[in-house]
Amino acid sequence: MVQSDNENMSVFQLRIYEVSPEKRKQFHERFEKHALRIMQQYDFKPVVLWQSESVSNFEFIYILEWPNIETMEQQWKAFLADSEWIEIKRKMADTLGEPVQRVTSRVLENVKYYPAFHPFTKFHGSMDAGGGTEPVAGEERS
């Protein structure tokens, strides 16, 4: 388990699902209609959702924000034990097969030498010598 130096900092969790390319439509339907709704019941806070595709692979990637690691672990345990979620997954597995082939999960921590990430912070440009970012042309430094 990863410990944060600053107990008041949010914890971000990176999730990567490798999905069978031929089952991606059904995966997206299940995630949109069911997983997000049930996750909301357990105070999951998605920051961003992406997909990535290559010739042989389809990945669904998202980041969750948590108040701390203990809450993250507790809420995942509750979500995975949710009877509605278990039944939704069982029905799909019985009719189509499970679309998710592999799940990778990582807790992301800020490094001390770069400004902390927050989902509503806009970082552009390159680092200046003082550790801040140089404004993009036409933008002012705040």
N, C-alpha and C. Protein backbone atom coordinates (compact mmCIF):
# COMPACT_ATOMS: atom_id res chain seq x y z
N MET A 1 0.84 -1.18 0.00
CA MET A 1 0.00 0.00 0.00
C MET A 1 0.89 1.24 0.00
N VAL A 2 0.49 2.23 -0.75
CA VAL A 2 1.26 3.46 -0.91
C VAL A 2 0.80 4.47 0.14
N GLN A 3 1.71 5.11 0.81
CA GLN A 3 1.38 6.14 1.79
C GLN A 3 1.66 7.50 1.19
N SER A 4 0.79 8.44 1.40
CA SER A 4 0.97 9.79 0.91
C SER A 4 1.59 10.65 2.01
N ASP A 5 2.54 11.53 1.63
CA ASP A 5 3.15 12.44 2.59
C ASP A 5 2.14 13.45 3.10
N ASN A 6 1.19 13.82 2.25
CA ASN A 6 0.21 14.83 2.62
C ASN A 6 -1.15 14.18 2.73
N GLU A 7 -1.63 14.02 3.95
CA GLU A 7 -2.89 13.32 4.18
C GLU A 7 -4.09 14.06 3.60
N ASN A 8 -3.93 15.36 3.31
CA ASN A 8 -5.04 16.13 2.75
C ASN A 8 -5.10 16.06 1.23
N MET A 9 -4.14 15.41 0.59
CA MET A 9 -4.10 15.31 -0.86
C MET A 9 -5.01 14.17 -1.32
N SER A 10 -5.67 14.40 -2.43
CA SER A 10 -6.46 13.34 -3.05
C SER A 10 -5.54 12.25 -3.55
N VAL A 11 -6.10 11.07 -3.66
CA VAL A 11 -5.41 9.93 -4.24
C VAL A 11 -6.04 9.69 -5.61
N PHE A 12 -5.21 9.49 -6.62
CA PHE A 12 -5.72 9.19 -7.95
C PHE A 12 -5.39 7.75 -8.29
N GLN A 13 -6.36 7.09 -8.90
CA GLN A 13 -6.20 5.69 -9.27
C GLN A 13 -6.34 5.56 -10.78
N LEU A 14 -5.34 4.96 -11.40
CA LEU A 14 -5.36 4.69 -12.83
C LEU A 14 -5.87 3.27 -13.03
N ARG A 15 -6.87 3.12 -13.91
CA ARG A 15 -7.44 1.81 -14.23
C ARG A 15 -7.33 1.60 -15.74
N ILE A 16 -6.80 0.46 -16.13
CA ILE A 16 -6.69 0.11 -17.55
C ILE A 16 -7.32 -1.26 -17.75
N TYR A 17 -8.33 -1.31 -18.60
CA TYR A 17 -8.99 -2.57 -18.93
C TYR A 17 -8.62 -2.97 -20.34
N GLU A 18 -8.06 -4.15 -20.50
CA GLU A 18 -7.87 -4.71 -21.83
C GLU A 18 -9.16 -5.45 -22.17
N VAL A 19 -9.78 -5.02 -23.27
CA VAL A 19 -11.11 -5.51 -23.64
C VAL A 19 -11.01 -6.24 -24.97
N SER A 20 -11.73 -7.37 -25.07
CA SER A 20 -11.81 -8.08 -26.35
C SER A 20 -12.36 -7.12 -27.39
N PRO A 21 -11.63 -6.87 -28.48
CA PRO A 21 -12.08 -5.89 -29.48
C PRO A 21 -13.49 -6.18 -30.01
N GLU A 22 -13.82 -7.45 -30.17
CA GLU A 22 -15.14 -7.80 -30.71
C GLU A 22 -16.27 -7.60 -29.69
N LYS A 23 -15.91 -7.34 -28.42
CA LYS A 23 -16.91 -7.14 -27.37
C LYS A 23 -16.90 -5.71 -26.83
N ARG A 24 -16.21 -4.81 -27.52
CA ARG A 24 -16.08 -3.45 -27.00
C ARG A 24 -17.41 -2.71 -26.94
N LYS A 25 -18.29 -2.91 -27.91
CA LYS A 25 -19.59 -2.24 -27.88
C LYS A 25 -20.38 -2.66 -26.63
N GLN A 26 -20.40 -3.95 -26.36
CA GLN A 26 -21.12 -4.45 -25.18
C GLN A 26 -20.44 -3.98 -23.89
N PHE A 27 -19.11 -3.92 -23.90
CA PHE A 27 -18.39 -3.41 -22.73
C PHE A 27 -18.80 -1.97 -22.45
N HIS A 28 -18.78 -1.12 -23.49
CA HIS A 28 -19.15 0.29 -23.31
C HIS A 28 -20.59 0.42 -22.82
N GLU A 29 -21.49 -0.36 -23.37
CA GLU A 29 -22.90 -0.32 -22.91
C GLU A 29 -22.99 -0.67 -21.44
N ARG A 30 -22.28 -1.73 -21.02
CA ARG A 30 -22.32 -2.14 -19.61
C ARG A 30 -21.70 -1.08 -18.72
N PHE A 31 -20.59 -0.49 -19.14
CA PHE A 31 -19.94 0.52 -18.31
C PHE A 31 -20.80 1.76 -18.19
N GLU A 32 -21.33 2.21 -19.32
CA GLU A 32 -22.14 3.44 -19.32
C GLU A 32 -23.46 3.27 -18.57
N LYS A 33 -24.17 2.19 -18.83
CA LYS A 33 -25.52 2.02 -18.28
C LYS A 33 -25.54 1.45 -16.87
N HIS A 34 -24.51 0.71 -16.52
CA HIS A 34 -24.55 0.01 -15.23
C HIS A 34 -23.38 0.36 -14.31
N ALA A 35 -22.15 0.18 -14.79
CA ALA A 35 -21.00 0.37 -13.90
C ALA A 35 -20.94 1.79 -13.34
N LEU A 36 -21.07 2.80 -14.21
CA LEU A 36 -21.00 4.18 -13.71
C LEU A 36 -22.09 4.49 -12.70
N ARG A 37 -23.29 3.99 -12.96
CA ARG A 37 -24.41 4.23 -12.04
C ARG A 37 -24.16 3.57 -10.68
N ILE A 38 -23.71 2.32 -10.70
CA ILE A 38 -23.45 1.62 -9.45
C ILE A 38 -22.23 2.21 -8.74
N MET A 39 -21.20 2.58 -9.50
CA MET A 39 -20.03 3.23 -8.89
C MET A 39 -20.42 4.50 -8.16
N GLN A 40 -21.35 5.24 -8.74
CA GLN A 40 -21.81 6.49 -8.12
C GLN A 40 -22.41 6.21 -6.73
N GLN A 41 -23.08 5.09 -6.57
CA GLN A 41 -23.66 4.73 -5.27
C GLN A 41 -22.58 4.54 -4.20
N TYR A 42 -21.37 4.24 -4.64
CA TYR A 42 -20.25 4.02 -3.72
C TYR A 42 -19.25 5.16 -3.74
N ASP A 43 -19.69 6.32 -4.20
CA ASP A 43 -18.89 7.55 -4.19
C ASP A 43 -17.61 7.47 -5.03
N PHE A 44 -17.65 6.71 -6.11
CA PHE A 44 -16.55 6.74 -7.07
C PHE A 44 -16.61 8.10 -7.76
N LYS A 45 -15.44 8.70 -8.00
CA LYS A 45 -15.39 9.99 -8.68
C LYS A 45 -14.49 9.89 -9.91
N PRO A 46 -15.07 9.52 -11.06
CA PRO A 46 -14.27 9.47 -12.28
C PRO A 46 -13.81 10.88 -12.66
N VAL A 47 -12.53 10.99 -13.03
CA VAL A 47 -11.95 12.26 -13.45
C VAL A 47 -11.98 12.34 -14.97
N VAL A 48 -11.60 11.24 -15.61
CA VAL A 48 -11.53 11.21 -17.07
C VAL A 48 -11.62 9.75 -17.52
N LEU A 49 -12.19 9.56 -18.70
CA LEU A 49 -12.28 8.23 -19.32
C LEU A 49 -11.75 8.33 -20.74
N TRP A 50 -10.92 7.37 -21.15
CA TRP A 50 -10.36 7.34 -22.49
C TRP A 50 -10.48 5.93 -23.06
N GLN A 51 -10.27 5.84 -24.36
CA GLN A 51 -10.07 4.54 -24.98
C GLN A 51 -8.86 4.63 -25.90
N SER A 52 -8.22 3.49 -26.11
CA SER A 52 -7.04 3.42 -26.96
C SER A 52 -7.14 2.15 -27.77
N GLU A 53 -6.81 2.27 -29.04
CA GLU A 53 -6.96 1.12 -29.92
C GLU A 53 -5.70 0.92 -30.74
N SER A 54 -5.30 -0.33 -30.85
CA SER A 54 -4.22 -0.69 -31.76
C SER A 54 -4.75 -1.79 -32.67
N VAL A 55 -3.91 -2.33 -33.51
CA VAL A 55 -4.34 -3.36 -34.45
C VAL A 55 -4.93 -4.57 -33.72
N SER A 56 -4.34 -4.96 -32.61
CA SER A 56 -4.78 -6.19 -31.94
C SER A 56 -5.36 -5.97 -30.56
N ASN A 57 -5.48 -4.74 -30.12
CA ASN A 57 -5.85 -4.51 -28.73
C ASN A 57 -6.80 -3.33 -28.60
N PHE A 58 -7.68 -3.41 -27.62
CA PHE A 58 -8.55 -2.30 -27.28
C PHE A 58 -8.44 -2.10 -25.78
N GLU A 59 -8.14 -0.87 -25.36
CA GLU A 59 -8.02 -0.56 -23.94
C GLU A 59 -9.00 0.54 -23.56
N PHE A 60 -9.56 0.40 -22.38
CA PHE A 60 -10.40 1.41 -21.77
C PHE A 60 -9.64 1.89 -20.55
N ILE A 61 -9.39 3.19 -20.48
CA ILE A 61 -8.53 3.76 -19.44
C ILE A 61 -9.31 4.85 -18.71
N TYR A 62 -9.23 4.85 -17.39
CA TYR A 62 -9.86 5.94 -16.65
C TYR A 62 -9.10 6.22 -15.37
N ILE A 63 -9.36 7.40 -14.83
CA ILE A 63 -8.76 7.83 -13.57
C ILE A 63 -9.88 8.16 -12.60
N LEU A 64 -9.71 7.66 -11.38
CA LEU A 64 -10.65 7.95 -10.30
C LEU A 64 -9.94 8.81 -9.25
N GLU A 65 -10.68 9.68 -8.63
CA GLU A 65 -10.16 10.49 -7.53
C GLU A 65 -10.78 10.00 -6.23
N TRP A 66 -9.94 9.80 -5.23
CA TRP A 66 -10.38 9.33 -3.92
C TRP A 66 -9.86 10.26 -2.83
N PRO A 67 -10.55 10.36 -1.71
CA PRO A 67 -10.02 11.20 -0.62
C PRO A 67 -8.78 10.59 0.04
N ASN A 68 -8.68 9.25 0.03
CA ASN A 68 -7.53 8.56 0.62
C ASN A 68 -7.54 7.09 0.18
N ILE A 69 -6.47 6.40 0.45
CA ILE A 69 -6.34 5.00 0.02
C ILE A 69 -7.31 4.10 0.76
N GLU A 70 -7.53 4.35 2.02
CA GLU A 70 -8.44 3.51 2.80
C GLU A 70 -9.85 3.55 2.21
N THR A 71 -10.32 4.74 1.85
CA THR A 71 -11.64 4.87 1.23
C THR A 71 -11.68 4.15 -0.10
N MET A 72 -10.63 4.31 -0.90
CA MET A 72 -10.55 3.64 -2.20
C MET A 72 -10.71 2.13 -2.02
N GLU A 73 -9.95 1.55 -1.11
CA GLU A 73 -10.00 0.10 -0.90
C GLU A 73 -11.38 -0.34 -0.40
N GLN A 74 -11.93 0.41 0.53
CA GLN A 74 -13.24 0.10 1.11
C GLN A 74 -14.35 0.16 0.04
N GLN A 75 -14.32 1.20 -0.79
CA GLN A 75 -15.37 1.39 -1.78
C GLN A 75 -15.26 0.37 -2.92
N TRP A 76 -14.05 0.00 -3.31
CA TRP A 76 -13.90 -1.05 -4.32
C TRP A 76 -14.44 -2.37 -3.79
N LYS A 77 -14.15 -2.68 -2.55
CA LYS A 77 -14.63 -3.92 -1.95
C LYS A 77 -16.16 -3.95 -1.96
N ALA A 78 -16.78 -2.83 -1.59
CA ALA A 78 -18.25 -2.75 -1.57
C ALA A 78 -18.82 -2.85 -2.98
N PHE A 79 -18.21 -2.16 -3.94
CA PHE A 79 -18.69 -2.20 -5.32
C PHE A 79 -18.63 -3.62 -5.87
N LEU A 80 -17.50 -4.29 -5.69
CA LEU A 80 -17.34 -5.63 -6.24
C LEU A 80 -18.25 -6.66 -5.57
N ALA A 81 -18.73 -6.36 -4.36
CA ALA A 81 -19.66 -7.24 -3.65
C ALA A 81 -21.12 -6.87 -3.90
N ASP A 82 -21.36 -5.79 -4.66
CA ASP A 82 -22.72 -5.34 -4.93
C ASP A 82 -23.50 -6.41 -5.70
N SER A 83 -24.63 -6.83 -5.18
CA SER A 83 -25.39 -7.93 -5.79
C SER A 83 -25.89 -7.59 -7.20
N GLU A 84 -26.26 -6.35 -7.43
CA GLU A 84 -26.70 -5.97 -8.77
C GLU A 84 -25.54 -6.07 -9.75
N TRP A 85 -24.36 -5.57 -9.37
CA TRP A 85 -23.19 -5.62 -10.25
C TRP A 85 -22.79 -7.08 -10.53
N ILE A 86 -22.81 -7.91 -9.51
CA ILE A 86 -22.48 -9.33 -9.69
C ILE A 86 -23.43 -9.97 -10.69
N GLU A 87 -24.72 -9.68 -10.60
CA GLU A 87 -25.71 -10.26 -11.51
C GLU A 87 -25.53 -9.74 -12.94
N ILE A 88 -25.25 -8.46 -13.10
CA ILE A 88 -25.02 -7.88 -14.44
C ILE A 88 -23.82 -8.56 -15.10
N LYS A 89 -22.74 -8.72 -14.36
CA LYS A 89 -21.55 -9.37 -14.91
C LYS A 89 -21.83 -10.85 -15.23
N ARG A 90 -22.57 -11.53 -14.35
CA ARG A 90 -22.88 -12.94 -14.58
C ARG A 90 -23.69 -13.13 -15.85
N LYS A 91 -24.72 -12.28 -16.03
CA LYS A 91 -25.56 -12.39 -17.23
C LYS A 91 -24.75 -12.18 -18.50
N MET A 92 -23.87 -11.19 -18.50
CA MET A 92 -23.06 -10.94 -19.69
C MET A 92 -22.10 -12.10 -19.93
N ALA A 93 -21.49 -12.61 -18.88
CA ALA A 93 -20.57 -13.74 -19.03
C ALA A 93 -21.29 -14.96 -19.59
N ASP A 94 -22.52 -15.19 -19.14
CA ASP A 94 -23.29 -16.35 -19.60
C ASP A 94 -23.71 -16.23 -21.06
N THR A 95 -24.03 -15.02 -21.51
CA THR A 95 -24.53 -14.85 -22.88
C THR A 95 -23.44 -14.51 -23.89
N LEU A 96 -22.46 -13.73 -23.50
CA LEU A 96 -21.46 -13.22 -24.43
C LEU A 96 -20.05 -13.66 -24.08
N GLY A 97 -19.82 -13.88 -22.82
CA GLY A 97 -18.46 -14.06 -22.31
C GLY A 97 -18.00 -12.73 -21.73
N GLU A 98 -17.10 -12.78 -20.78
CA GLU A 98 -16.61 -11.55 -20.14
C GLU A 98 -15.77 -10.76 -21.14
N PRO A 99 -16.12 -9.49 -21.38
CA PRO A 99 -15.35 -8.68 -22.34
C PRO A 99 -13.99 -8.24 -21.83
N VAL A 100 -13.83 -8.11 -20.52
CA VAL A 100 -12.56 -7.63 -19.96
C VAL A 100 -11.60 -8.80 -19.82
N GLN A 101 -10.47 -8.70 -20.50
CA GLN A 101 -9.46 -9.76 -20.47
C GLN A 101 -8.47 -9.57 -19.32
N ARG A 102 -8.18 -8.31 -19.00
CA ARG A 102 -7.19 -8.02 -17.96
C ARG A 102 -7.43 -6.63 -17.40
N VAL A 103 -7.21 -6.48 -16.10
CA VAL A 103 -7.34 -5.17 -15.45
C VAL A 103 -6.00 -4.82 -14.80
N THR A 104 -5.56 -3.59 -15.05
CA THR A 104 -4.38 -3.06 -14.39
C THR A 104 -4.84 -1.87 -13.55
N SER A 105 -4.40 -1.81 -12.31
CA SER A 105 -4.79 -0.72 -11.42
C SER A 105 -3.54 -0.20 -10.73
N ARG A 106 -3.41 1.13 -10.69
CA ARG A 106 -2.27 1.76 -10.05
C ARG A 106 -2.74 2.97 -9.23
N VAL A 107 -2.12 3.16 -8.07
CA VAL A 107 -2.32 4.37 -7.30
C VAL A 107 -1.23 5.34 -7.75
N LEU A 108 -1.64 6.55 -8.12
CA LEU A 108 -0.72 7.55 -8.63
C LEU A 108 -0.42 8.58 -7.54
N GLU A 109 0.85 8.87 -7.35
CA GLU A 109 1.26 9.87 -6.36
C GLU A 109 1.99 11.01 -7.05
N ASN A 110 1.76 12.21 -6.57
CA ASN A 110 2.48 13.37 -7.09
C ASN A 110 3.95 13.28 -6.69
N VAL A 111 4.81 13.80 -7.56
CA VAL A 111 6.21 13.96 -7.20
C VAL A 111 6.36 15.34 -6.57
N LYS A 112 7.30 15.48 -5.68
CA LYS A 112 7.43 16.72 -4.91
C LYS A 112 7.95 17.89 -5.74
N TYR A 113 8.62 17.63 -6.86
CA TYR A 113 9.24 18.70 -7.62
C TYR A 113 8.39 19.23 -8.76
N TYR A 114 7.12 18.83 -8.82
CA TYR A 114 6.24 19.33 -9.87
C TYR A 114 4.88 19.65 -9.26
N PRO A 115 4.21 20.69 -9.75
CA PRO A 115 2.93 21.06 -9.14
C PRO A 115 1.96 19.87 -9.10
N ALA A 116 1.25 19.76 -8.01
CA ALA A 116 0.29 18.66 -7.83
C ALA A 116 -0.80 18.74 -8.87
N PHE A 117 -1.20 17.59 -9.36
CA PHE A 117 -2.28 17.50 -10.34
C PHE A 117 -3.61 17.64 -9.65
N HIS A 118 -4.48 18.38 -10.27
CA HIS A 118 -5.87 18.42 -9.86
C HIS A 118 -6.66 18.40 -11.15
N PRO A 119 -7.77 17.65 -11.20
CA PRO A 119 -8.49 17.49 -12.47
C PRO A 119 -8.96 18.79 -13.12
N PHE A 120 -9.04 19.85 -12.37
CA PHE A 120 -9.51 21.10 -12.95
C PHE A 120 -8.39 22.09 -13.19
N THR A 121 -7.13 21.65 -13.03
CA THR A 121 -5.97 22.48 -13.29
C THR A 121 -5.56 22.31 -14.73
N LYS A 122 -5.27 23.41 -15.38
CA LYS A 122 -4.87 23.38 -16.79
C LYS A 122 -3.37 23.62 -16.88
N PHE A 123 -2.60 22.60 -17.25
CA PHE A 123 -1.16 22.74 -17.43
C PHE A 123 -0.87 22.79 -18.92
N HIS A 124 -0.18 23.83 -19.35
CA HIS A 124 0.26 23.98 -20.73
C HIS A 124 1.71 24.43 -20.70
N GLY A 125 2.35 24.32 -21.83
CA GLY A 125 3.68 24.87 -21.96
C GLY A 125 4.73 23.98 -21.33
N SER A 126 5.92 24.52 -21.16
CA SER A 126 7.04 23.75 -20.64
C SER A 126 7.41 24.26 -19.26
N MET A 127 8.18 23.46 -18.56
CA MET A 127 8.64 23.86 -17.23
C MET A 127 9.62 25.02 -17.35
N ASP A 128 9.52 26.01 -16.46
CA ASP A 128 10.54 27.05 -16.42
C ASP A 128 11.55 26.67 -15.34
N ALA A 129 12.62 27.42 -15.22
CA ALA A 129 13.70 27.07 -14.30
C ALA A 129 13.25 27.07 -12.85
N GLY A 130 12.19 27.79 -12.53
CA GLY A 130 11.71 27.86 -11.16
C GLY A 130 10.75 26.75 -10.80
N GLY A 131 10.50 25.81 -11.71
CA GLY A 131 9.62 24.69 -11.39
C GLY A 131 8.18 24.93 -11.78
N GLY A 132 7.87 26.13 -12.28
CA GLY A 132 6.51 26.41 -12.73
C GLY A 132 6.38 26.15 -14.21
N THR A 133 5.25 26.44 -14.76
CA THR A 133 5.09 26.26 -16.20
C THR A 133 5.11 27.61 -16.87
N GLU A 134 5.68 27.65 -18.05
CA GLU A 134 5.67 28.86 -18.86
C GLU A 134 4.30 28.97 -19.51
N PRO A 135 3.71 30.15 -19.54
CA PRO A 135 2.39 30.28 -20.16
C PRO A 135 2.47 30.04 -21.65
N VAL A 136 1.40 29.47 -22.19
CA VAL A 136 1.26 29.29 -23.62
C VAL A 136 1.04 30.66 -24.23
N ALA A 137 1.50 30.88 -25.45
CA ALA A 137 1.32 32.16 -26.11
C ALA A 137 -0.12 32.62 -26.01
N GLY A 138 -0.32 33.85 -25.60
CA GLY A 138 -1.67 34.41 -25.49
C GLY A 138 -2.30 34.21 -24.12
N GLU A 139 -1.65 33.43 -23.25
CA GLU A 139 -2.18 33.21 -21.91
C GLU A 139 -1.29 33.92 -20.91
N GLU A 140 -1.87 34.38 -19.83
CA GLU A 140 -1.10 35.02 -18.77
C GLU A 140 -0.87 34.04 -17.65
N ARG A 141 0.25 34.20 -16.98
CA ARG A 141 0.53 33.39 -15.80
C ARG A 141 -0.34 33.92 -14.65
N SER A 142 -0.95 33.02 -13.93
CA SER A 142 -1.81 33.48 -12.81
C SER A 142 -1.06 33.41 -11.51
